[in-house]
Amino acid sequence: MNIPKAFFEKSLTCEMLGLGRRELEYLFEHCDQTYRTRLLHLEVWAHMCLYGMSEEAILERLNTHSTINSM
């Protein structure tokens, strides 16, 4: 799965972790795919459980900002 940095710009995850633009840039330069996926899971969880976003809205956001690579 390709998770671009743009997915996390102005995200709940960055807000919760106190990440600014420079910190997010550093994070994406140094973290592996597994860590990015965990951040994605945190973002989805926050939208669903804390803010009550619908499954359809989350799927739309994921489809807009991420891609799944074939093996």
Foldseek 3Di string as FASTA:
>chain_A
DFADLVLPAVAPLCVVVVNDPVNSVVCVVPDDPVVVVVSVVVRVCCCCPVVNDDPVVSVVSCVVGHDDDDD
